[in-house]
């Protein structure tokens, strides 16, 4: 059993990465082998609209034809039993690296057909972990609910199952006094970091464990 986490944040030791590590800890607690991949370590681009992955009889049908540092990652993901994608929210959406990754990872498996919606050969759970400085009351303003719904819809269509975890009102800076940010209350931010973030870490842990249990059950039934 292999669970891979994809970190779409430029930070390797902050909110998003921490939650992904907790999710992997949960997966490991159920006996899974785990790995985290940091997208900002890789030199790659998003989809170039070459459509080689859709060409009938083409050698790249059903897979991305581009060759760069993301290519071996996409190959590795084929062997995963669960995938967990993590990203902070920048300007109302996932980071550019995460969006580019999703274009390259998801689109080749998507079939423009009503009878065969996906070329992915198995059913796996795909989790999304989002971190953001805003509170839930701003979800509608930034269209976050729709973004989350669309990502889950695509993941379910291609891979079979998906769920999301949203960590809101996050602690963004080590020292708020060093940055222009008077719209925030540093004490309230610190309090939430101390009281709420551990709960989010627990939810991430449970997601990782739940995914492995789900796959174990599915394999037993199969």
Protein backbone atom coordinates (compact mmCIF):
# COMPACT_ATOMS: atom_id res chain seq x y z
CA UNK A 1 0.00 0.00 0.00
CA UNK A 2 1.50 3.32 -1.11
CA UNK A 3 0.18 6.79 -0.28
CA UNK A 4 1.77 9.85 -1.91
CA UNK A 5 1.28 13.45 -0.86
CA UNK A 6 1.87 16.33 -3.27
CA UNK A 7 2.85 19.63 -1.67
CA UNK A 8 1.79 22.58 -3.79
CA UNK A 9 3.15 25.13 -1.33
CA UNK A 10 6.57 26.78 -1.65
CA UNK A 11 7.05 26.14 2.08
CA UNK A 12 8.19 22.74 3.27
CA UNK A 13 7.70 23.30 7.00
CA UNK A 14 4.54 25.34 7.36
CA UNK A 15 0.77 24.86 7.35
CA UNK A 16 0.20 22.89 4.15
CA UNK A 17 3.29 20.71 4.47
CA UNK A 18 2.51 20.01 8.13
CA UNK A 19 -1.01 18.86 7.33
CA UNK A 20 0.26 16.65 4.51
CA UNK A 21 2.82 15.08 6.84
CA UNK A 22 0.05 14.41 9.35
CA UNK A 23 -2.04 12.77 6.64
CA UNK A 24 0.91 10.55 5.78
CA UNK A 25 1.37 9.70 9.44
CA UNK A 26 -2.23 8.55 9.46
CA UNK A 27 -1.64 6.41 6.38
CA UNK A 28 1.53 4.96 7.92
CA UNK A 29 -0.38 4.10 11.09
CA UNK A 30 -2.43 1.71 8.94
CA UNK A 31 0.68 0.14 7.44
CA UNK A 32 1.08 2.16 4.26
CA UNK A 33 4.36 3.23 2.70
CA UNK A 34 4.36 7.01 2.31
CA UNK A 35 6.14 9.74 0.37
CA UNK A 36 5.79 13.51 0.02
CA UNK A 37 6.75 15.34 -3.17
CA UNK A 38 7.37 19.10 -3.17
CA UNK A 39 6.31 20.65 -6.46
CA UNK A 40 8.43 23.75 -5.95
CA UNK A 41 11.53 21.53 -6.12
CA UNK A 42 10.66 20.60 -9.71
CA UNK A 43 11.15 22.44 -12.97
CA UNK A 44 7.99 21.85 -15.00
CA UNK A 45 5.18 23.54 -16.88
CA UNK A 46 1.46 23.05 -17.12
CA UNK A 47 -0.41 21.56 -20.08
CA UNK A 48 0.68 22.94 -23.47
CA UNK A 49 -2.51 21.82 -25.24
CA UNK A 50 -0.68 19.46 -27.58
CA UNK A 51 -3.52 16.90 -27.23
CA UNK A 52 -1.09 13.99 -27.69
CA UNK A 53 -2.88 12.32 -24.78
CA UNK A 54 -6.12 12.34 -26.82
CA UNK A 55 -4.73 11.23 -30.21
CA UNK A 56 -6.32 7.99 -31.45
CA UNK A 57 -3.66 5.33 -31.65
CA UNK A 58 -1.00 7.78 -30.52
CA UNK A 59 1.96 6.55 -28.48
CA UNK A 60 1.04 9.01 -25.72
CA UNK A 61 -2.67 8.28 -25.66
CA UNK A 62 -3.86 8.46 -22.06
CA UNK A 63 -0.62 9.93 -20.72
CA UNK A 64 1.16 13.25 -20.79
CA UNK A 65 3.65 13.51 -23.65
CA UNK A 66 5.68 16.31 -22.11
CA UNK A 67 9.13 15.45 -20.80
CA UNK A 68 10.45 17.40 -17.83
CA UNK A 69 11.04 16.97 -14.11
CA UNK A 70 7.36 16.21 -13.47
CA UNK A 71 7.40 13.21 -15.83
CA UNK A 72 8.91 10.69 -13.36
CA UNK A 73 6.50 11.91 -10.68
CA UNK A 74 3.52 11.18 -12.93
CA UNK A 75 4.92 7.70 -13.56
CA UNK A 76 5.36 7.12 -9.84
CA UNK A 77 1.78 8.16 -9.11
CA UNK A 78 0.48 5.28 -11.24
CA UNK A 79 1.50 2.87 -8.48
CA UNK A 80 -0.10 4.86 -5.64
CA UNK A 81 -3.12 3.52 -3.76
CA UNK A 82 -4.12 7.00 -2.56
CA UNK A 83 -3.09 10.56 -3.39
CA UNK A 84 -3.34 13.62 -1.14
CA UNK A 85 -2.89 17.03 -2.73
CA UNK A 86 -2.12 20.05 -0.55
CA UNK A 87 -2.05 23.73 -1.46
CA UNK A 88 -2.46 27.13 0.11
CA UNK A 89 -5.09 29.33 -1.48
CA UNK A 90 -3.59 32.17 -3.49
CA UNK A 91 -6.03 34.74 -4.91
CA UNK A 92 -8.97 32.39 -4.60
CA UNK A 93 -7.42 29.21 -5.99
CA UNK A 94 -4.62 26.68 -5.56
CA UNK A 95 -1.07 27.77 -6.30
CA UNK A 96 0.13 27.94 -9.89
CA UNK A 97 2.33 24.90 -9.34
CA UNK A 98 -0.58 22.84 -8.07
CA UNK A 99 -2.81 23.93 -10.95
CA UNK A 100 -0.07 23.07 -13.46
CA UNK A 101 0.41 19.71 -11.78
CA UNK A 102 -3.31 18.94 -11.90
CA UNK A 103 -3.44 19.79 -15.61
CA UNK A 104 -0.67 17.32 -16.32
CA UNK A 105 -1.93 14.64 -13.90
CA UNK A 106 -5.68 14.71 -14.45
CA UNK A 107 -6.24 15.77 -18.06
CA UNK A 108 -4.57 12.80 -19.84
CA UNK A 109 -6.96 10.39 -18.09
CA UNK A 110 -10.03 12.46 -18.99
CA UNK A 111 -11.88 11.11 -22.03
CA UNK A 112 -14.14 13.26 -24.16
CA UNK A 113 -16.78 10.54 -24.12
CA UNK A 114 -20.10 9.94 -22.38
CA UNK A 115 -19.49 6.20 -22.21
CA UNK A 116 -15.89 6.11 -20.94
CA UNK A 117 -15.20 9.10 -18.69
CA UNK A 118 -11.79 7.97 -17.44
CA UNK A 119 -8.75 6.02 -18.61
CA UNK A 120 -7.42 5.57 -15.08
CA UNK A 121 -7.18 1.80 -14.53
CA UNK A 122 -8.24 1.61 -10.87
CA UNK A 123 -10.27 3.28 -8.16
CA UNK A 124 -8.28 5.31 -5.65
CA UNK A 125 -9.14 8.08 -3.18
CA UNK A 126 -7.79 11.55 -3.90
CA UNK A 127 -7.79 14.03 -1.03
CA UNK A 128 -7.44 17.79 -1.16
CA UNK A 129 -6.03 19.79 1.74
CA UNK A 130 -6.39 23.55 1.44
CA UNK A 131 -4.89 26.17 3.74
CA UNK A 132 -5.84 29.84 3.65
CA UNK A 133 -5.66 33.05 5.61
CA UNK A 134 -9.35 33.86 5.14
CA UNK A 135 -12.23 32.59 7.25
CA UNK A 136 -15.14 30.55 5.93
CA UNK A 137 -17.35 33.62 5.69
CA UNK A 138 -15.27 34.69 2.66
CA UNK A 139 -15.74 31.42 0.75
CA UNK A 140 -18.57 32.77 -1.38
CA UNK A 141 -16.78 36.05 -2.10
CA UNK A 142 -13.73 34.26 -3.50
CA UNK A 143 -15.69 31.42 -5.11
CA UNK A 144 -13.87 28.85 -3.00
CA UNK A 145 -16.86 26.57 -2.60
CA UNK A 146 -17.12 26.20 -6.36
CA UNK A 147 -13.37 25.67 -6.72
CA UNK A 148 -13.48 22.89 -4.13
CA UNK A 149 -16.56 21.33 -5.74
CA UNK A 150 -15.00 21.36 -9.22
CA UNK A 151 -11.76 19.78 -8.02
CA UNK A 152 -13.66 17.06 -6.17
CA UNK A 153 -15.91 16.44 -9.18
CA UNK A 154 -12.94 15.98 -11.50
CA UNK A 155 -11.14 13.72 -9.03
CA UNK A 156 -14.22 11.55 -8.54
CA UNK A 157 -14.79 11.29 -12.28
CA UNK A 158 -11.21 10.27 -13.00
CA UNK A 159 -10.10 8.37 -9.89
CA UNK A 160 -13.32 7.27 -8.22
CA UNK A 161 -13.42 9.05 -4.86
CA UNK A 162 -12.47 12.41 -3.39
CA UNK A 163 -12.86 14.52 -0.27
CA UNK A 164 -11.47 17.83 0.99
CA UNK A 165 -10.14 19.38 4.18
CA UNK A 166 -10.09 23.16 4.52
CA UNK A 167 -7.87 24.81 7.11
CA UNK A 168 -8.98 28.44 7.43
CA UNK A 169 -7.68 31.59 9.14
CA UNK A 170 -4.16 30.19 9.24
CA UNK A 171 -1.08 31.59 10.97
CA UNK A 172 0.92 33.05 8.07
CA UNK A 173 3.99 34.69 9.62
CA UNK A 174 6.54 33.76 12.27
CA UNK A 175 6.37 37.32 13.61
CA UNK A 176 3.42 39.49 12.60
CA UNK A 177 5.17 42.63 13.84
CA UNK A 178 7.64 42.40 10.92
CA UNK A 179 5.00 42.57 8.20
CA UNK A 180 2.32 44.95 7.02
CA UNK A 181 -0.82 43.19 8.17
CA UNK A 182 -2.85 45.39 10.48
CA UNK A 183 -6.08 43.76 9.28
CA UNK A 184 -5.07 40.75 11.37
CA UNK A 185 -5.05 40.38 15.14
CA UNK A 186 -1.74 38.63 15.96
CA UNK A 187 -3.03 37.40 19.31
CA UNK A 188 -6.16 35.90 17.76
CA UNK A 189 -4.06 34.33 15.03
CA UNK A 190 -1.70 32.81 17.59
CA UNK A 191 -4.62 31.55 19.64
CA UNK A 192 -6.16 29.87 16.62
CA UNK A 193 -2.79 28.36 15.71
CA UNK A 194 -2.59 26.87 19.19
CA UNK A 195 -6.20 25.72 19.54
CA UNK A 196 -7.60 25.04 16.06
CA UNK A 197 -4.62 23.98 13.95
CA UNK A 198 -4.03 20.83 16.06
CA UNK A 199 -7.63 19.85 15.30
CA UNK A 200 -6.94 20.28 11.59
CA UNK A 201 -3.82 18.13 11.97
CA UNK A 202 -5.98 15.45 13.59
CA UNK A 203 -8.44 15.62 10.68
CA UNK A 204 -5.57 15.26 8.22
CA UNK A 205 -4.24 12.25 10.13
CA UNK A 206 -7.69 10.69 10.02
CA UNK A 207 -7.95 11.32 6.27
CA UNK A 208 -4.72 9.44 5.63
CA UNK A 209 -5.75 6.53 7.84
CA UNK A 210 -9.24 6.45 6.33
CA UNK A 211 -7.90 6.28 2.79
CA UNK A 212 -5.76 3.26 3.57
CA UNK A 213 -8.63 1.50 5.35
CA UNK A 214 -10.85 2.21 2.35
CA UNK A 215 -8.39 0.67 -0.06
CA UNK A 216 -7.81 -2.35 2.16
CA UNK A 217 -11.55 -2.96 2.28
CA UNK A 218 -11.89 -2.52 -1.46
CA UNK A 219 -9.07 -4.95 -2.19
CA UNK A 220 -10.59 -7.50 0.17
CA UNK A 221 -13.96 -7.17 -1.60
CA UNK A 222 -12.31 -7.49 -4.99
